[in-house]
Amino acid sequence: MTGKSLFVLPLVLAAATAAHAGGVLAIGSAMPSGDVKMKSVDGKEMSISDVKGAQGTLVVFTCNHCPFAKMWETRIVELGNAYQAKGIGVIAVNANDPSVAAEDGYDQMVSRAKEKGFAFPYVVDATSGVAKAFGAARTPEAFLFDKDGKLVYHGAVDDNGQDAAKVDKAYLKDALDAVAGGKAVPVAETKSIGCSIKFRS
């Protein structure tokens, strides 16, 4: 290796580290904080790794109070429930501080999961540390990993939160279909539209 190469390599590694530390998880990145235990609405402590699927894993940062999370909630539940049967592990994570929005409290999460028919875990990110490790900033915000634990899709559920009947681009569903079928995801990244996560201090 030349002296020039030795000089360039640390710069490349430093840039990659800075990009990860300072912003959202990059496509192709390994799943962070996979072993952090979080309390689910069934009272059990579980991690993202505990729900990992044979074909992939979907992590959705969401909450109860956000109007945008409510807009997409039914679709998130339908996708999550359906794709578990196709080998995709699914987990919904609430990183919001309930002192900012009382509707995001644990008891309210339990009621919401029952009311909406969540067939997958809905967990509390008690320090907001998992959300921060992902670089998540919005609710809802989806992160889909392939069977090797590499990020292959990040972003929005689809292109129309207000009207499911008028969706033109079903980004998350298309990505889930691809991962479940062992194929490349057609669109790897889109812009999440939603409320800012109310991080715990």
C-alpha atoms as a PDB file:
ATOM      1  CA  MET A   1       0.000   0.000   0.000  1.00  0.00           C
ATOM      2  CA  THR A   2       1.402   3.416  -0.920  1.00  0.00           C
ATOM      3  CA  GLY A   3       1.893   6.319   1.464  1.00  0.00           C
ATOM      4  CA  LYS A   4      -0.927   8.151  -0.279  1.00  0.00           C
ATOM      5  CA  SER A   5      -3.296   5.220   0.230  1.00  0.00           C
ATOM      6  CA  LEU A   6      -2.378   5.042   3.904  1.00  0.00           C
ATOM      7  CA  PHE A   7      -3.278   8.709   4.219  1.00  0.00           C
ATOM      8  CA  VAL A   8      -6.603   8.447   2.351  1.00  0.00           C
ATOM      9  CA  LEU A   9      -7.947   5.353   4.141  1.00  0.00           C
ATOM     10  CA  PRO A  10      -8.233   6.963   7.597  1.00  0.00           C
ATOM     11  CA  LEU A  11     -10.011   9.948   6.031  1.00  0.00           C
ATOM     12  CA  VAL A  12     -12.563   7.651   4.366  1.00  0.00           C
ATOM     13  CA  LEU A  13     -13.151   5.725   7.590  1.00  0.00           C
ATOM     14  CA  ALA A  14     -13.475   8.951   9.575  1.00  0.00           C
ATOM     15  CA  ALA A  15     -16.010  10.333   7.089  1.00  0.00           C
ATOM     16  CA  ALA A  16     -18.070   7.143   7.240  1.00  0.00           C
ATOM     17  CA  THR A  17     -18.066   7.188  11.040  1.00  0.00           C
ATOM     18  CA  ALA A  18     -19.064  10.852  11.128  1.00  0.00           C
ATOM     19  CA  ALA A  19     -21.908  10.258   8.680  1.00  0.00           C
ATOM     20  CA  HIS A  20     -23.279   7.489  10.907  1.00  0.00           C
ATOM     21  CA  ALA A  21     -22.801   9.348  14.186  1.00  0.00           C
ATOM     22  CA  GLY A  22     -24.208  12.634  12.960  1.00  0.00           C
ATOM     23  CA  GLY A  23     -27.267  11.539  11.008  1.00  0.00           C
ATOM     24  CA  VAL A  24     -29.598   8.804   9.935  1.00  0.00           C
ATOM     25  CA  LEU A  25     -28.441   5.239   9.431  1.00  0.00           C
ATOM     26  CA  ALA A  26     -27.087   4.781   5.902  1.00  0.00           C
ATOM     27  CA  ILE A  27     -28.444   2.194   3.472  1.00  0.00           C
ATOM     28  CA  GLY A  28     -26.322  -0.942   3.778  1.00  0.00           C
ATOM     29  CA  SER A  29     -25.556  -0.339   7.463  1.00  0.00           C
ATOM     30  CA  ALA A  30     -25.854  -3.072  10.066  1.00  0.00           C
ATOM     31  CA  MET A  31     -28.716  -2.898  12.542  1.00  0.00           C
ATOM     32  CA  PRO A  32     -27.726  -0.849  15.613  1.00  0.00           C
ATOM     33  CA  SER A  33     -28.830  -1.465  19.214  1.00  0.00           C
ATOM     34  CA  GLY A  34     -30.294  -4.820  18.251  1.00  0.00           C
ATOM     35  CA  ASP A  35     -29.853  -6.323  21.706  1.00  0.00           C
ATOM     36  CA  VAL A  36     -31.292  -3.443  23.770  1.00  0.00           C
ATOM     37  CA  LYS A  37     -34.221  -4.752  25.816  1.00  0.00           C
ATOM     38  CA  MET A  38     -37.418  -2.682  25.684  1.00  0.00           C
ATOM     39  CA  LYS A  39     -40.749  -3.185  27.454  1.00  0.00           C
ATOM     40  CA  SER A  40     -43.525  -4.371  25.164  1.00  0.00           C
ATOM     41  CA  VAL A  41     -47.236  -3.792  25.624  1.00  0.00           C
ATOM     42  CA  ASP A  42     -47.578  -7.421  26.771  1.00  0.00           C
ATOM     43  CA  GLY A  43     -45.263  -6.664  29.692  1.00  0.00           C
ATOM     44  CA  LYS A  44     -42.307  -8.610  28.315  1.00  0.00           C
ATOM     45  CA  GLU A  45     -38.817  -7.220  27.801  1.00  0.00           C
ATOM     46  CA  MET A  46     -37.620  -7.765  24.240  1.00  0.00           C
ATOM     47  CA  SER A  47     -35.075  -6.508  21.743  1.00  0.00           C
ATOM     48  CA  ILE A  48     -35.144  -5.980  18.002  1.00  0.00           C
ATOM     49  CA  SER A  49     -32.945  -9.064  17.674  1.00  0.00           C
ATOM     50  CA  ASP A  50     -35.614 -11.097  19.496  1.00  0.00           C
ATOM     51  CA  VAL A  51     -38.090 -10.469  16.664  1.00  0.00           C
ATOM     52  CA  LYS A  52     -35.652 -10.842  13.774  1.00  0.00           C
ATOM     53  CA  GLY A  53     -37.268 -12.675  10.860  1.00  0.00           C
ATOM     54  CA  ALA A  54     -35.799 -15.307   8.563  1.00  0.00           C
ATOM     55  CA  GLN A  55     -36.191 -12.955   5.587  1.00  0.00           C
ATOM     56  CA  GLY A  56     -35.737  -9.586   7.266  1.00  0.00           C
ATOM     57  CA  THR A  57     -36.775  -7.221  10.038  1.00  0.00           C
ATOM     58  CA  LEU A  58     -38.966  -4.125  10.002  1.00  0.00           C
ATOM     59  CA  VAL A  59     -38.503  -1.465  12.683  1.00  0.00           C
ATOM     60  CA  VAL A  60     -41.037   1.381  12.727  1.00  0.00           C
ATOM     61  CA  PHE A  61     -40.612   4.361  15.025  1.00  0.00           C
ATOM     62  CA  THR A  62     -44.088   5.607  15.866  1.00  0.00           C
ATOM     63  CA  CYS A  63     -46.229   6.863  18.729  1.00  0.00           C
ATOM     64  CA  ASN A  64     -49.816   7.417  19.804  1.00  0.00           C
ATOM     65  CA  HIS A  65     -50.330  11.176  19.699  1.00  0.00           C
ATOM     66  CA  CYS A  66     -48.825  12.306  16.383  1.00  0.00           C
ATOM     67  CA  PRO A  67     -51.441  13.072  13.680  1.00  0.00           C
ATOM     68  CA  PHE A  68     -49.126  11.651  10.999  1.00  0.00           C
ATOM     69  CA  ALA A  69     -48.600   8.432  12.957  1.00  0.00           C
ATOM     70  CA  LYS A  70     -52.380   8.162  13.261  1.00  0.00           C
ATOM     71  CA  MET A  71     -52.818   8.707   9.512  1.00  0.00           C
ATOM     72  CA  TRP A  72     -50.572   5.781   8.640  1.00  0.00           C
ATOM     73  CA  GLU A  73     -51.313   3.617  11.677  1.00  0.00           C
ATOM     74  CA  THR A  74     -53.851   1.294  10.068  1.00  0.00           C
ATOM     75  CA  ARG A  75     -51.531   0.692   7.113  1.00  0.00           C
ATOM     76  CA  ILE A  76     -48.552   0.045   9.389  1.00  0.00           C
ATOM     77  CA  VAL A  77     -50.563  -2.477  11.391  1.00  0.00           C
ATOM     78  CA  GLU A  78     -51.864  -4.197   8.259  1.00  0.00           C
ATOM     79  CA  LEU A  79     -48.377  -4.446   6.748  1.00  0.00           C
ATOM     80  CA  GLY A  80     -46.793  -5.571  10.003  1.00  0.00           C
ATOM     81  CA  ASN A  81     -49.390  -8.253  10.654  1.00  0.00           C
ATOM     82  CA  ALA A  82     -49.302  -9.533   7.070  1.00  0.00           C
ATOM     83  CA  TYR A  83     -45.550  -9.681   6.542  1.00  0.00           C
ATOM     84  CA  GLN A  84     -44.811 -11.555   9.746  1.00  0.00           C
ATOM     85  CA  ALA A  85     -46.326 -14.535   7.956  1.00  0.00           C
ATOM     86  CA  LYS A  86     -43.841 -13.974   5.113  1.00  0.00           C
ATOM     87  CA  GLY A  87     -40.738 -14.237   7.256  1.00  0.00           C
ATOM     88  CA  ILE A  88     -40.348 -10.577   8.223  1.00  0.00           C
ATOM     89  CA  GLY A  89     -39.877  -9.774  11.905  1.00  0.00           C
ATOM     90  CA  VAL A  90     -41.758  -6.630  12.919  1.00  0.00           C
ATOM     91  CA  ILE A  91     -41.474  -4.270  15.884  1.00  0.00           C
ATOM     92  CA  ALA A  92     -42.946  -0.802  16.541  1.00  0.00           C
ATOM     93  CA  VAL A  93     -40.912   1.480  18.800  1.00  0.00           C
ATOM     94  CA  ASN A  94     -42.161   4.496  20.753  1.00  0.00           C
ATOM     95  CA  ALA A  95     -39.208   6.721  21.723  1.00  0.00           C
ATOM     96  CA  ASN A  96     -41.324   9.721  22.771  1.00  0.00           C
ATOM     97  CA  ASP A  97     -41.195  11.278  26.223  1.00  0.00           C
ATOM     98  CA  PRO A  98     -44.716  10.933  27.701  1.00  0.00           C
ATOM     99  CA  SER A  99     -44.112  14.024  29.834  1.00  0.00           C
ATOM    100  CA  VAL A 100     -44.290  15.959  26.557  1.00  0.00           C
ATOM    101  CA  ALA A 101     -47.323  14.087  25.202  1.00  0.00           C
ATOM    102  CA  ALA A 102     -49.277  12.110  27.807  1.00  0.00           C
ATOM    103  CA  GLU A 103     -50.966  10.079  25.067  1.00  0.00           C
ATOM    104  CA  ASP A 104     -47.608   8.387  24.471  1.00  0.00           C
ATOM    105  CA  GLY A 105     -47.543   6.803  27.936  1.00  0.00           C
ATOM    106  CA  TYR A 106     -47.201   3.051  28.407  1.00  0.00           C
ATOM    107  CA  ASP A 107     -50.816   2.420  29.473  1.00  0.00           C
ATOM    108  CA  GLN A 108     -52.018   4.305  26.413  1.00  0.00           C
ATOM    109  CA  MET A 109     -49.721   2.192  24.230  1.00  0.00           C
ATOM    110  CA  VAL A 110     -51.267  -0.977  25.677  1.00  0.00           C
ATOM    111  CA  SER A 111     -54.765   0.277  24.877  1.00  0.00           C
ATOM    112  CA  ARG A 112     -53.804   1.426  21.378  1.00  0.00           C
ATOM    113  CA  ALA A 113     -52.146  -1.875  20.443  1.00  0.00           C
ATOM    114  CA  LYS A 114     -55.233  -3.788  21.571  1.00  0.00           C
ATOM    115  CA  GLU A 115     -57.638  -1.406  19.835  1.00  0.00           C
ATOM    116  CA  LYS A 116     -55.744  -1.457  16.527  1.00  0.00           C
ATOM    117  CA  GLY A 117     -54.935  -5.158  16.533  1.00  0.00           C
ATOM    118  CA  PHE A 118     -51.150  -5.114  16.658  1.00  0.00           C
ATOM    119  CA  ALA A 119     -49.963  -8.707  16.144  1.00  0.00           C
ATOM    120  CA  PHE A 120     -46.350  -7.613  16.634  1.00  0.00           C
ATOM    121  CA  PRO A 121     -44.546  -6.007  19.592  1.00  0.00           C
ATOM    122  CA  TYR A 122     -45.058  -2.333  20.403  1.00  0.00           C
ATOM    123  CA  VAL A 123     -42.240  -1.321  22.733  1.00  0.00           C
ATOM    124  CA  VAL A 124     -40.991   1.621  24.800  1.00  0.00           C
ATOM    125  CA  ASP A 125     -37.571   3.044  23.968  1.00  0.00           C
ATOM    126  CA  ALA A 126     -37.166   4.229  27.574  1.00  0.00           C
ATOM    127  CA  THR A 127     -34.080   6.373  26.968  1.00  0.00           C
ATOM    128  CA  SER A 128     -34.718   7.214  23.291  1.00  0.00           C
ATOM    129  CA  GLY A 129     -31.293   5.617  22.792  1.00  0.00           C
ATOM    130  CA  VAL A 130     -32.432   3.158  20.146  1.00  0.00           C
ATOM    131  CA  ALA A 131     -34.033   5.926  18.079  1.00  0.00           C
ATOM    132  CA  LYS A 132     -30.866   7.985  18.368  1.00  0.00           C
ATOM    133  CA  ALA A 133     -28.710   5.021  17.288  1.00  0.00           C
ATOM    134  CA  PHE A 134     -30.852   4.709  14.154  1.00  0.00           C
ATOM    135  CA  GLY A 135     -30.817   8.441  13.554  1.00  0.00           C
ATOM    136  CA  ALA A 136     -34.608   8.350  13.568  1.00  0.00           C
ATOM    137  CA  ALA A 137     -36.211  11.780  13.722  1.00  0.00           C
ATOM    138  CA  ARG A 138     -39.890  11.381  12.810  1.00  0.00           C
ATOM    139  CA  THR A 139     -43.015   9.428  13.582  1.00  0.00           C
ATOM    140  CA  PRO A 140     -43.709   7.375  11.632  1.00  0.00           C
ATOM    141  CA  GLU A 141     -40.321   6.372  10.209  1.00  0.00           C
ATOM    142  CA  ALA A 142     -39.575   2.903   8.834  1.00  0.00           C
ATOM    143  CA  PHE A 143     -36.301   0.978   8.715  1.00  0.00           C
ATOM    144  CA  LEU A 144     -36.264  -2.362   6.887  1.00  0.00           C
ATOM    145  CA  PHE A 145     -33.348  -4.783   7.140  1.00  0.00           C
ATOM    146  CA  ASP A 146     -32.659  -7.826   4.996  1.00  0.00           C
ATOM    147  CA  LYS A 147     -31.978 -11.342   6.292  1.00  0.00           C
ATOM    148  CA  ASP A 148     -28.317 -10.424   6.823  1.00  0.00           C
ATOM    149  CA  GLY A 149     -29.271  -7.486   9.040  1.00  0.00           C
ATOM    150  CA  LYS A 150     -28.338  -4.798   6.514  1.00  0.00           C
ATOM    151  CA  LEU A 151     -30.536  -1.740   6.011  1.00  0.00           C
ATOM    152  CA  VAL A 152     -32.248  -1.897   2.615  1.00  0.00           C
ATOM    153  CA  TYR A 153     -35.101   0.597   3.029  1.00  0.00           C
ATOM    154  CA  HIS A 154     -35.560   3.733   5.110  1.00  0.00           C
ATOM    155  CA  GLY A 155     -38.325   6.295   4.995  1.00  0.00           C
ATOM    156  CA  ALA A 156     -42.046   6.723   4.557  1.00  0.00           C
ATOM    157  CA  VAL A 157     -44.823   4.137   4.425  1.00  0.00           C
ATOM    158  CA  ASP A 158     -46.175   5.524   1.155  1.00  0.00           C
ATOM    159  CA  ASP A 159     -46.833   8.813  -0.640  1.00  0.00           C
ATOM    160  CA  ASN A 160     -50.300   9.671   0.720  1.00  0.00           C
ATOM    161  CA  GLY A 161     -50.903   9.703   4.457  1.00  0.00           C
ATOM    162  CA  GLN A 162     -54.327  11.293   4.139  1.00  0.00           C
ATOM    163  CA  ASP A 163     -55.972   8.832   1.775  1.00  0.00           C
ATOM    164  CA  ALA A 164     -54.955   5.179   1.447  1.00  0.00           C
ATOM    165  CA  ALA A 165     -57.134   4.848  -1.650  1.00  0.00           C
ATOM    166  CA  LYS A 166     -55.053   7.472  -3.460  1.00  0.00           C
ATOM    167  CA  VAL A 167     -51.611   6.028  -2.767  1.00  0.00           C
ATOM    168  CA  ASP A 168     -49.502   6.036  -5.924  1.00  0.00           C
ATOM    169  CA  LYS A 169     -46.195   4.826  -4.476  1.00  0.00           C
ATOM    170  CA  ALA A 170     -46.403   2.106  -1.815  1.00  0.00           C
ATOM    171  CA  TYR A 171     -42.739   2.403  -0.834  1.00  0.00           C
ATOM    172  CA  LEU A 172     -42.725   0.212   2.270  1.00  0.00           C
ATOM    173  CA  LYS A 173     -44.958  -2.509   0.826  1.00  0.00           C
ATOM    174  CA  ASP A 174     -42.808  -2.696  -2.297  1.00  0.00           C
ATOM    175  CA  ALA A 175     -39.687  -2.967  -0.132  1.00  0.00           C
ATOM    176  CA  LEU A 176     -41.282  -5.659   2.034  1.00  0.00           C
ATOM    177  CA  ASP A 177     -42.285  -7.649  -1.053  1.00  0.00           C
ATOM    178  CA  ALA A 178     -38.729  -7.448  -2.348  1.00  0.00           C
ATOM    179  CA  VAL A 179     -37.131  -8.526   0.925  1.00  0.00           C
ATOM    180  CA  ALA A 180     -39.640 -11.328   1.473  1.00  0.00           C
ATOM    181  CA  GLY A 181     -38.847 -12.584  -2.030  1.00  0.00           C
ATOM    182  CA  GLY A 182     -35.085 -12.236  -1.678  1.00  0.00           C
ATOM    183  CA  LYS A 183     -34.935  -9.482  -4.300  1.00  0.00           C
ATOM    184  CA  ALA A 184     -33.425  -6.005  -4.449  1.00  0.00           C
ATOM    185  CA  VAL A 185     -35.554  -3.197  -3.024  1.00  0.00           C
ATOM    186  CA  PRO A 186     -36.740  -0.923  -5.886  1.00  0.00           C
ATOM    187  CA  VAL A 187     -36.565   2.355  -3.920  1.00  0.00           C
ATOM    188  CA  ALA A 188     -34.150   2.267  -0.991  1.00  0.00           C
ATOM    189  CA  GLU A 189     -34.800   5.643   0.610  1.00  0.00           C
ATOM    190  CA  THR A 190     -37.618   8.177   0.808  1.00  0.00           C
ATOM    191  CA  LYS A 191     -38.372  11.211   2.955  1.00  0.00           C
ATOM    192  CA  SER A 192     -40.259  10.519   6.172  1.00  0.00           C
ATOM    193  CA  ILE A 193     -43.061  12.978   6.847  1.00  0.00           C
ATOM    194  CA  GLY A 194     -44.290  13.225  10.403  1.00  0.00           C
ATOM    195  CA  CYS A 195     -43.916  14.710  13.857  1.00  0.00           C
ATOM    196  CA  SER A 196     -40.496  15.134  15.391  1.00  0.00           C
ATOM    197  CA  ILE A 197     -39.602  12.483  17.964  1.00  0.00           C
ATOM    198  CA  LYS A 198     -39.922  13.927  21.462  1.00  0.00           C
ATOM    199  CA  PHE A 199     -36.643  12.531  22.763  1.00  0.00           C
ATOM    200  CA  ARG A 200     -36.290  11.771  26.453  1.00  0.00           C
ATOM    201  CA  SER A 201     -33.690  13.833  28.262  1.00  0.00           C
END
